Amino acid sequence: MPETTPERRLADHLQKRADDLKAKADHMSEHASGMYGRFEGGQPLLVGHHSYRSAVRDRDRADNATRRAIEARKVAERAQARANTAKAAADLADTAAGRTRAWQRSDFRPGDIVTVRTFRTRTDTYRVKRVNTKTLTLKGPGGGFDDPKREFDRVICRTRDGVTVTSPTD
């Protein structure tokens, strides 16, 4: 079995945490909904009636439980967003770890289409304009004055003549 990367272990850990928080939020939401059972029939709170104080107390408890459930849902959604980001980073790391060797200048030609990592989890696709010693000059959208340069180690895959490769030896 292949060794898992630290990025993949982190992504798995964050996904488990997000799943646990979602389950907790679901449980809290169900519990809060059940607390409104006293009010299902639509009976209004009767001011002056002997049940008024306990009904107000029960309503306040149910409202507070609902607020806590909503906050728990927001925490679970933020945790899921972090897990998704970590998964994207792990996917890119797995692609890089699966290479048999690093990309080299001889692996590229002007006109190739490359997908490059622009940030930790974001990729963009460009056409190669020029192959330099350590970088690629890519064709930017601005007509030449804003052509980005990226190092070879940021390349995720290369497409030439309709064939896409993720490792230089493919």
N, C-alpha and C. Protein backbone atom coordinates (compact mmCIF):
# COMPACT_ATOMS: atom_id res chain seq x y z
N MET A 1 0.85 -1.19 0.00
CA MET A 1 0.00 0.00 0.00
C MET A 1 0.89 1.24 0.00
N PRO A 2 0.61 2.23 -0.87
CA PRO A 2 1.46 3.41 -0.94
C PRO A 2 1.37 4.23 0.35
N GLU A 3 2.47 4.88 0.66
CA GLU A 3 2.53 5.70 1.86
C GLU A 3 1.69 6.96 1.66
N THR A 4 0.93 7.33 2.68
CA THR A 4 0.10 8.53 2.57
C THR A 4 0.94 9.75 2.89
N THR A 5 0.65 10.82 2.20
CA THR A 5 1.39 12.06 2.41
C THR A 5 0.84 12.78 3.64
N PRO A 6 1.63 13.66 4.24
CA PRO A 6 1.12 14.44 5.38
C PRO A 6 -0.10 15.27 5.01
N GLU A 7 -0.14 15.76 3.77
CA GLU A 7 -1.29 16.54 3.34
C GLU A 7 -2.55 15.68 3.31
N ARG A 8 -2.42 14.41 2.86
CA ARG A 8 -3.57 13.52 2.80
C ARG A 8 -4.04 13.17 4.22
N ARG A 9 -3.09 12.92 5.13
CA ARG A 9 -3.47 12.61 6.52
C ARG A 9 -4.20 13.80 7.14
N LEU A 10 -3.72 15.01 6.88
CA LEU A 10 -4.39 16.19 7.40
C LEU A 10 -5.79 16.33 6.81
N ALA A 11 -5.91 16.10 5.51
CA ALA A 11 -7.22 16.19 4.86
C ALA A 11 -8.19 15.17 5.44
N ASP A 12 -7.72 13.94 5.66
CA ASP A 12 -8.58 12.91 6.25
C ASP A 12 -9.01 13.29 7.67
N HIS A 13 -8.06 13.83 8.44
CA HIS A 13 -8.38 14.25 9.81
C HIS A 13 -9.42 15.37 9.82
N LEU A 14 -9.21 16.37 8.95
CA LEU A 14 -10.16 17.49 8.90
C LEU A 14 -11.53 17.04 8.40
N GLN A 15 -11.57 16.07 7.47
CA GLN A 15 -12.86 15.57 7.00
C GLN A 15 -13.59 14.83 8.10
N LYS A 16 -12.86 14.03 8.89
CA LYS A 16 -13.49 13.32 10.01
C LYS A 16 -14.04 14.32 11.02
N ARG A 17 -13.26 15.36 11.31
CA ARG A 17 -13.72 16.39 12.24
C ARG A 17 -14.98 17.08 11.71
N ALA A 18 -14.98 17.41 10.42
CA ALA A 18 -16.15 18.06 9.81
C ALA A 18 -17.37 17.15 9.88
N ASP A 19 -17.18 15.85 9.63
CA ASP A 19 -18.29 14.91 9.72
C ASP A 19 -18.83 14.82 11.15
N ASP A 20 -17.91 14.79 12.14
CA ASP A 20 -18.33 14.74 13.54
C ASP A 20 -19.11 16.00 13.93
N LEU A 21 -18.61 17.16 13.50
CA LEU A 21 -19.30 18.40 13.82
C LEU A 21 -20.67 18.48 13.15
N LYS A 22 -20.78 17.96 11.94
CA LYS A 22 -22.08 17.94 11.26
C LYS A 22 -23.05 17.04 12.00
N ALA A 23 -22.58 15.87 12.44
CA ALA A 23 -23.45 14.96 13.19
C ALA A 23 -23.90 15.61 14.50
N LYS A 24 -22.99 16.30 15.16
CA LYS A 24 -23.33 16.99 16.41
C LYS A 24 -24.37 18.08 16.15
N ALA A 25 -24.19 18.85 15.07
CA ALA A 25 -25.14 19.90 14.72
C ALA A 25 -26.51 19.32 14.38
N ASP A 26 -26.54 18.19 13.67
CA ASP A 26 -27.81 17.53 13.35
C ASP A 26 -28.53 17.09 14.63
N HIS A 27 -27.77 16.51 15.55
CA HIS A 27 -28.35 16.07 16.82
C HIS A 27 -28.90 17.26 17.61
N MET A 28 -28.14 18.34 17.65
CA MET A 28 -28.60 19.53 18.38
C MET A 28 -29.86 20.11 17.75
N SER A 29 -29.93 20.08 16.42
CA SER A 29 -31.10 20.60 15.73
C SER A 29 -32.34 19.75 16.02
N GLU A 30 -32.17 18.43 16.00
CA GLU A 30 -33.29 17.55 16.32
C GLU A 30 -33.75 17.75 17.76
N HIS A 31 -32.80 17.89 18.67
CA HIS A 31 -33.13 18.11 20.09
C HIS A 31 -33.89 19.42 20.26
N ALA A 32 -33.43 20.48 19.60
CA ALA A 32 -34.09 21.78 19.71
C ALA A 32 -35.50 21.72 19.13
N SER A 33 -35.66 21.02 18.03
CA SER A 33 -37.01 20.88 17.44
C SER A 33 -37.95 20.16 18.39
N GLY A 34 -37.42 19.14 19.05
CA GLY A 34 -38.24 18.39 20.01
C GLY A 34 -38.67 19.21 21.21
N MET A 35 -37.91 20.23 21.54
CA MET A 35 -38.24 21.06 22.69
C MET A 35 -39.47 21.93 22.45
N TYR A 36 -39.85 22.10 21.21
CA TYR A 36 -41.04 22.89 20.89
C TYR A 36 -42.31 22.05 20.92
N GLY A 37 -42.20 20.78 21.33
CA GLY A 37 -43.35 19.89 21.34
C GLY A 37 -44.54 20.42 22.12
N ARG A 38 -44.30 21.15 23.18
CA ARG A 38 -45.38 21.69 24.00
C ARG A 38 -46.24 22.67 23.21
N PHE A 39 -45.67 23.26 22.18
CA PHE A 39 -46.37 24.31 21.45
C PHE A 39 -46.91 23.85 20.10
N GLU A 40 -46.92 22.53 19.87
CA GLU A 40 -47.34 22.00 18.56
C GLU A 40 -48.77 22.33 18.19
N GLY A 41 -49.66 22.33 19.16
CA GLY A 41 -51.08 22.54 18.86
C GLY A 41 -51.43 23.96 18.50
N GLY A 42 -50.51 24.89 18.71
CA GLY A 42 -50.78 26.28 18.38
C GLY A 42 -51.41 27.05 19.51
N GLN A 43 -51.47 26.45 20.69
CA GLN A 43 -52.03 27.15 21.84
C GLN A 43 -51.15 28.35 22.19
N PRO A 44 -51.73 29.54 22.26
CA PRO A 44 -50.93 30.71 22.61
C PRO A 44 -50.57 30.70 24.10
N LEU A 45 -49.57 31.51 24.46
CA LEU A 45 -49.23 31.67 25.87
C LEU A 45 -50.31 32.53 26.51
N LEU A 46 -50.89 32.03 27.56
CA LEU A 46 -52.00 32.71 28.22
C LEU A 46 -51.47 33.49 29.41
N VAL A 47 -51.40 34.81 29.27
CA VAL A 47 -50.91 35.67 30.33
C VAL A 47 -51.87 35.55 31.51
N GLY A 48 -51.30 35.33 32.69
CA GLY A 48 -52.12 35.21 33.89
C GLY A 48 -52.49 33.77 34.21
N HIS A 49 -52.38 32.89 33.27
CA HIS A 49 -52.69 31.48 33.51
C HIS A 49 -51.56 30.85 34.32
N HIS A 50 -51.86 29.82 35.10
CA HIS A 50 -50.84 29.20 35.95
C HIS A 50 -49.71 28.56 35.14
N SER A 51 -49.94 28.27 33.87
CA SER A 51 -48.90 27.64 33.05
C SER A 51 -48.02 28.64 32.31
N TYR A 52 -48.31 29.93 32.48
CA TYR A 52 -47.62 30.96 31.69
C TYR A 52 -46.11 30.96 31.94
N ARG A 53 -45.70 30.99 33.20
CA ARG A 53 -44.27 31.08 33.52
C ARG A 53 -43.48 29.88 32.99
N SER A 54 -44.04 28.69 33.16
CA SER A 54 -43.32 27.51 32.67
C SER A 54 -43.31 27.46 31.14
N ALA A 55 -44.37 27.96 30.52
CA ALA A 55 -44.41 27.99 29.05
C ALA A 55 -43.38 28.97 28.51
N VAL A 56 -43.23 30.12 29.13
CA VAL A 56 -42.23 31.10 28.71
C VAL A 56 -40.84 30.51 28.90
N ARG A 57 -40.63 29.85 30.03
CA ARG A 57 -39.33 29.23 30.31
C ARG A 57 -39.02 28.14 29.26
N ASP A 58 -40.01 27.31 28.93
CA ASP A 58 -39.81 26.27 27.92
C ASP A 58 -39.53 26.87 26.54
N ARG A 59 -40.24 27.93 26.21
CA ARG A 59 -40.01 28.58 24.91
C ARG A 59 -38.60 29.17 24.85
N ASP A 60 -38.17 29.82 25.93
CA ASP A 60 -36.82 30.40 25.96
C ASP A 60 -35.76 29.32 25.85
N ARG A 61 -35.96 28.20 26.54
CA ARG A 61 -35.00 27.09 26.45
C ARG A 61 -34.92 26.56 25.01
N ALA A 62 -36.09 26.40 24.39
CA ALA A 62 -36.12 25.90 23.02
C ALA A 62 -35.47 26.90 22.06
N ASP A 63 -35.73 28.19 22.26
CA ASP A 63 -35.11 29.22 21.42
C ASP A 63 -33.59 29.20 21.57
N ASN A 64 -33.11 29.10 22.81
CA ASN A 64 -31.67 29.06 23.05
C ASN A 64 -31.03 27.81 22.45
N ALA A 65 -31.73 26.68 22.55
CA ALA A 65 -31.22 25.44 21.96
C ALA A 65 -31.16 25.57 20.43
N THR A 66 -32.13 26.24 19.85
CA THR A 66 -32.14 26.47 18.41
C THR A 66 -30.97 27.36 17.99
N ARG A 67 -30.71 28.41 18.77
CA ARG A 67 -29.57 29.28 18.47
C ARG A 67 -28.26 28.50 18.55
N ARG A 68 -28.12 27.66 19.57
CA ARG A 68 -26.90 26.86 19.69
C ARG A 68 -26.77 25.89 18.51
N ALA A 69 -27.88 25.32 18.06
CA ALA A 69 -27.85 24.40 16.93
C ALA A 69 -27.45 25.14 15.65
N ILE A 70 -27.94 26.35 15.48
CA ILE A 70 -27.58 27.14 14.30
C ILE A 70 -26.09 27.48 14.32
N GLU A 71 -25.58 27.85 15.50
CA GLU A 71 -24.15 28.15 15.61
C GLU A 71 -23.31 26.89 15.35
N ALA A 72 -23.77 25.75 15.86
CA ALA A 72 -23.05 24.49 15.61
C ALA A 72 -23.05 24.16 14.12
N ARG A 73 -24.13 24.44 13.42
CA ARG A 73 -24.20 24.21 11.98
C ARG A 73 -23.18 25.10 11.25
N LYS A 74 -23.06 26.35 11.68
CA LYS A 74 -22.07 27.25 11.06
C LYS A 74 -20.65 26.76 11.30
N VAL A 75 -20.37 26.28 12.51
CA VAL A 75 -19.05 25.74 12.82
C VAL A 75 -18.77 24.52 11.94
N ALA A 76 -19.77 23.66 11.76
CA ALA A 76 -19.61 22.47 10.92
C ALA A 76 -19.36 22.86 9.46
N GLU A 77 -20.04 23.90 8.98
CA GLU A 77 -19.83 24.34 7.60
C GLU A 77 -18.42 24.91 7.40
N ARG A 78 -17.93 25.66 8.40
CA ARG A 78 -16.56 26.18 8.29
C ARG A 78 -15.55 25.04 8.32
N ALA A 79 -15.81 24.03 9.16
CA ALA A 79 -14.91 22.87 9.21
C ALA A 79 -14.92 22.12 7.88
N GLN A 80 -16.08 22.02 7.24
CA GLN A 80 -16.16 21.35 5.94
C GLN A 80 -15.40 22.14 4.89
N ALA A 81 -15.47 23.46 4.94
CA ALA A 81 -14.71 24.28 4.00
C ALA A 81 -13.21 24.06 4.18
N ARG A 82 -12.75 23.99 5.44
CA ARG A 82 -11.33 23.72 5.68
C ARG A 82 -10.94 22.33 5.18
N ALA A 83 -11.82 21.37 5.37
CA ALA A 83 -11.55 20.00 4.90
C ALA A 83 -11.48 19.97 3.37
N ASN A 84 -12.35 20.70 2.71
CA ASN A 84 -12.32 20.74 1.25
C ASN A 84 -11.02 21.37 0.73
N THR A 85 -10.57 22.43 1.40
CA THR A 85 -9.31 23.07 1.03
C THR A 85 -8.15 22.10 1.23
N ALA A 86 -8.14 21.41 2.36
CA ALA A 86 -7.06 20.45 2.64
C ALA A 86 -7.09 19.30 1.64
N LYS A 87 -8.27 18.88 1.22
CA LYS A 87 -8.38 17.80 0.24
C LYS A 87 -7.81 18.24 -1.11
N ALA A 88 -8.10 19.47 -1.50
CA ALA A 88 -7.55 19.98 -2.76
C ALA A 88 -6.02 20.05 -2.69
N ALA A 89 -5.49 20.50 -1.56
CA ALA A 89 -4.03 20.55 -1.39
C ALA A 89 -3.44 19.14 -1.41
N ALA A 90 -4.13 18.19 -0.80
CA ALA A 90 -3.64 16.80 -0.78
C ALA A 90 -3.67 16.19 -2.18
N ASP A 91 -4.70 16.50 -2.96
CA ASP A 91 -4.76 15.99 -4.33
C ASP A 91 -3.58 16.50 -5.15
N LEU A 92 -3.25 17.79 -5.00
CA LEU A 92 -2.10 18.34 -5.72
C LEU A 92 -0.80 17.72 -5.22
N ALA A 93 -0.69 17.50 -3.91
CA ALA A 93 0.52 16.88 -3.36
C ALA A 93 0.65 15.44 -3.84
N ASP A 94 -0.47 14.72 -3.92
CA ASP A 94 -0.43 13.33 -4.41
C ASP A 94 0.03 13.29 -5.86
N THR A 95 -0.42 14.24 -6.66
CA THR A 95 0.00 14.30 -8.06
C THR A 95 1.51 14.52 -8.14
N ALA A 96 2.01 15.44 -7.33
CA ALA A 96 3.45 15.72 -7.34
C ALA A 96 4.24 14.52 -6.79
N ALA A 97 3.71 13.84 -5.78
CA ALA A 97 4.41 12.70 -5.18
C ALA A 97 4.44 11.50 -6.13
N GLY A 98 3.49 11.43 -7.05
CA GLY A 98 3.41 10.31 -7.97
C GLY A 98 4.35 10.41 -9.16
N ARG A 99 5.09 11.48 -9.27
CA ARG A 99 6.02 11.66 -10.38
C ARG A 99 7.27 10.81 -10.18
N THR A 100 7.80 10.33 -11.28
CA THR A 100 9.03 9.54 -11.21
C THR A 100 10.27 10.43 -11.20
N ARG A 101 10.12 11.65 -11.73
CA ARG A 101 11.21 12.62 -11.70
C ARG A 101 10.59 14.01 -11.83
N ALA A 102 11.40 15.02 -11.55
CA ALA A 102 10.92 16.39 -11.63
C ALA A 102 10.82 16.83 -13.10
N TRP A 103 9.94 17.81 -13.35
CA TRP A 103 9.85 18.38 -14.69
C TRP A 103 11.17 19.07 -15.03
N GLN A 104 11.54 19.01 -16.31
CA GLN A 104 12.77 19.66 -16.78
C GLN A 104 12.45 20.52 -17.99
N ARG A 105 13.42 21.32 -18.37
CA ARG A 105 13.25 22.21 -19.51
C ARG A 105 12.90 21.43 -20.78
N SER A 106 13.50 20.26 -20.95
CA SER A 106 13.28 19.47 -22.17
C SER A 106 11.87 18.88 -22.25
N ASP A 107 11.11 18.94 -21.17
CA ASP A 107 9.74 18.39 -21.17
C ASP A 107 8.72 19.35 -21.78
N PHE A 108 9.12 20.56 -22.10
CA PHE A 108 8.17 21.57 -22.56
C PHE A 108 8.62 22.16 -23.89
N ARG A 109 7.61 22.60 -24.66
CA ARG A 109 7.83 23.31 -25.91
C ARG A 109 6.83 24.46 -25.97
N PRO A 110 7.17 25.53 -26.67
CA PRO A 110 6.17 26.58 -26.87
C PRO A 110 4.93 25.99 -27.55
N GLY A 111 3.76 26.39 -27.07
CA GLY A 111 2.51 25.87 -27.60
C GLY A 111 1.89 24.80 -26.74
N ASP A 112 2.67 24.19 -25.84
CA ASP A 112 2.09 23.22 -24.91
C ASP A 112 1.07 23.91 -24.02
N ILE A 113 0.09 23.15 -23.58
CA ILE A 113 -0.88 23.67 -22.62
C ILE A 113 -0.54 23.04 -21.28
N VAL A 114 -0.35 23.87 -20.26
CA VAL A 114 0.02 23.38 -18.94
C VAL A 114 -0.98 23.86 -17.90
N THR A 115 -1.22 23.00 -16.94
CA THR A 115 -1.99 23.38 -15.75
C THR A 115 -0.98 23.55 -14.64
N VAL A 116 -0.97 24.74 -14.05
CA VAL A 116 0.02 25.06 -13.02
C VAL A 116 -0.67 25.43 -11.73
N ARG A 117 0.02 25.14 -10.64
CA ARG A 117 -0.48 25.52 -9.31
C ARG A 117 -0.13 26.98 -9.12
N THR A 118 -1.15 27.82 -8.93
CA THR A 118 -0.91 29.24 -8.74
C THR A 118 -0.89 29.61 -7.26
N PHE A 119 -1.66 28.93 -6.47
CA PHE A 119 -1.65 29.08 -5.02
C PHE A 119 -1.63 27.69 -4.43
N ARG A 120 -1.80 27.57 -3.13
CA ARG A 120 -1.70 26.27 -2.47
C ARG A 120 -2.72 25.27 -3.03
N THR A 121 -3.92 25.73 -3.30
CA THR A 121 -4.96 24.80 -3.77
C THR A 121 -5.58 25.22 -5.10
N ARG A 122 -5.08 26.25 -5.72
CA ARG A 122 -5.69 26.73 -6.96
C ARG A 122 -4.80 26.42 -8.14
N THR A 123 -5.41 26.04 -9.24
CA THR A 123 -4.67 25.79 -10.47
C THR A 123 -5.26 26.62 -11.60
N ASP A 124 -4.43 26.96 -12.55
CA ASP A 124 -4.86 27.67 -13.75
C ASP A 124 -4.21 27.01 -14.96
N THR A 125 -4.83 27.14 -16.10
CA THR A 125 -4.33 26.53 -17.33
C THR A 125 -3.88 27.63 -18.29
N TYR A 126 -2.70 27.44 -18.83
CA TYR A 126 -2.09 28.41 -19.74
C TYR A 126 -1.47 27.70 -20.93
N ARG A 127 -1.16 28.50 -21.97
CA ARG A 127 -0.37 28.03 -23.10
C ARG A 127 1.06 28.52 -22.88
N VAL A 128 2.02 27.63 -23.13
CA VAL A 128 3.43 27.98 -22.95
C VAL A 128 3.85 28.92 -24.08
N LYS A 129 4.38 30.06 -23.70
CA LYS A 129 4.87 31.03 -24.68
C LYS A 129 6.37 30.85 -24.91
N ARG A 130 7.13 30.60 -23.80
CA ARG A 130 8.57 30.46 -23.91
C ARG A 130 9.04 29.52 -22.79
N VAL A 131 10.03 28.69 -23.09
CA VAL A 131 10.63 27.80 -22.11
C VAL A 131 11.97 28.40 -21.70
N ASN A 132 12.09 28.79 -20.46
CA ASN A 132 13.31 29.39 -19.93
C ASN A 132 14.12 28.32 -19.21
N THR A 133 15.24 28.70 -18.61
CA THR A 133 16.10 27.75 -17.92
C THR A 133 15.41 27.09 -16.74
N LYS A 134 14.74 27.89 -15.89
CA LYS A 134 14.11 27.35 -14.69
C LYS A 134 12.60 27.60 -14.63
N THR A 135 12.09 28.37 -15.58
CA THR A 135 10.67 28.74 -15.55
C THR A 135 10.04 28.61 -16.93
N LEU A 136 8.73 28.69 -16.92
CA LEU A 136 7.96 28.78 -18.16
C LEU A 136 7.35 30.18 -18.23
N THR A 137 7.44 30.81 -19.38
CA THR A 137 6.69 32.04 -19.59
C THR A 137 5.39 31.62 -20.24
N LEU A 138 4.29 32.00 -19.60
CA LEU A 138 2.97 31.55 -20.03
C LEU A 138 2.23 32.70 -20.68
N LYS A 139 1.36 32.36 -21.61
CA LYS A 139 0.61 33.39 -22.33
C LYS A 139 -0.52 33.89 -21.45
N GLY A 140 -0.40 35.14 -21.01
CA GLY A 140 -1.42 35.75 -20.15
C GLY A 140 -2.53 36.39 -20.96
N PRO A 141 -3.57 36.83 -20.29
CA PRO A 141 -4.71 37.39 -21.01
C PRO A 141 -4.49 38.81 -21.50
N GLY A 142 -3.39 39.47 -21.07
CA GLY A 142 -3.24 40.89 -21.37
C GLY A 142 -2.45 41.21 -22.62
N GLY A 143 -2.12 40.24 -23.44
CA GLY A 143 -1.45 40.53 -24.68
C GLY A 143 0.06 40.71 -24.56
N GLY A 144 0.68 40.17 -23.52
CA GLY A 144 2.12 40.20 -23.45
C GLY A 144 2.70 40.91 -22.24
N PHE A 145 2.10 42.02 -21.78
CA PHE A 145 2.72 42.76 -20.69
C PHE A 145 2.52 42.10 -19.33
N ASP A 146 1.60 41.18 -19.23
CA ASP A 146 1.35 40.53 -17.94
C ASP A 146 1.50 39.00 -18.02
N ASP A 147 2.38 38.53 -18.90
CA ASP A 147 2.59 37.09 -19.03
C ASP A 147 3.22 36.55 -17.74
N PRO A 148 2.56 35.60 -17.09
CA PRO A 148 3.12 35.07 -15.85
C PRO A 148 4.26 34.09 -16.12
N LYS A 149 5.12 33.96 -15.13
CA LYS A 149 6.18 32.95 -15.18
C LYS A 149 5.94 32.01 -14.01
N ARG A 150 6.13 30.71 -14.27
CA ARG A 150 5.98 29.70 -13.22
C ARG A 150 7.15 28.74 -13.29
N GLU A 151 7.62 28.32 -12.12
CA GLU A 151 8.70 27.34 -12.04
C GLU A 151 8.17 25.99 -12.51
N PHE A 152 9.09 25.14 -12.93
CA PHE A 152 8.70 23.81 -13.42
C PHE A 152 8.00 22.99 -12.34
N ASP A 153 8.39 23.14 -11.07
CA ASP A 153 7.80 22.32 -10.01
C ASP A 153 6.35 22.68 -9.73
N ARG A 154 5.85 23.77 -10.30
CA ARG A 154 4.44 24.13 -10.12
C ARG A 154 3.53 23.52 -11.19
N VAL A 155 4.11 22.86 -12.16
CA VAL A 155 3.32 22.26 -13.24
C VAL A 155 2.64 21.00 -12.72
N ILE A 156 1.34 20.93 -12.92
CA ILE A 156 0.55 19.76 -12.52
C ILE A 156 0.46 18.78 -13.69
N CYS A 157 0.15 19.28 -14.88
CA CYS A 157 0.09 18.42 -16.05
C CYS A 157 0.39 19.23 -17.31
N ARG A 158 0.75 18.51 -18.36
CA ARG A 158 1.06 19.14 -19.65
C ARG A 158 0.27 18.43 -20.73
N THR A 159 -0.27 19.20 -21.66
CA THR A 159 -1.00 18.64 -22.79
C THR A 159 -0.30 19.07 -24.07
N ARG A 160 -0.02 18.05 -24.90
CA ARG A 160 0.61 18.30 -26.20
C ARG A 160 -0.05 17.35 -27.20
N ASP A 161 -0.51 17.89 -28.30
CA ASP A 161 -1.15 17.09 -29.36
C ASP A 161 -2.32 16.27 -28.82
N GLY A 162 -3.05 16.84 -27.88
CA GLY A 162 -4.22 16.17 -27.32
C GLY A 162 -3.93 15.13 -26.27
N VAL A 163 -2.67 14.92 -25.91
CA VAL A 163 -2.28 13.92 -24.92
C VAL A 163 -1.86 14.67 -23.65
N THR A 164 -2.51 14.35 -22.53
CA THR A 164 -2.20 14.98 -21.25
C THR A 164 -1.40 14.04 -20.39
N VAL A 165 -0.29 14.54 -19.82
CA VAL A 165 0.55 13.74 -18.93
C VAL A 165 0.72 14.49 -17.61
N THR A 166 0.76 13.72 -16.51
CA THR A 166 0.97 14.33 -15.20
C THR A 166 2.36 14.06 -14.66
N SER A 167 3.09 13.19 -15.33
CA SER A 167 4.46 12.88 -14.94
C SER A 167 5.34 13.04 -16.17
N PRO A 168 6.54 13.59 -16.03
CA PRO A 168 7.38 13.83 -17.21
C PRO A 168 7.75 12.60 -18.00
N THR A 169 7.74 11.42 -17.39
CA THR A 169 8.14 10.21 -18.10
C THR A 169 6.99 9.52 -18.81
N ASP A 170 5.79 10.03 -18.65
CA ASP A 170 4.61 9.40 -19.29
C ASP A 170 4.64 9.58 -20.79
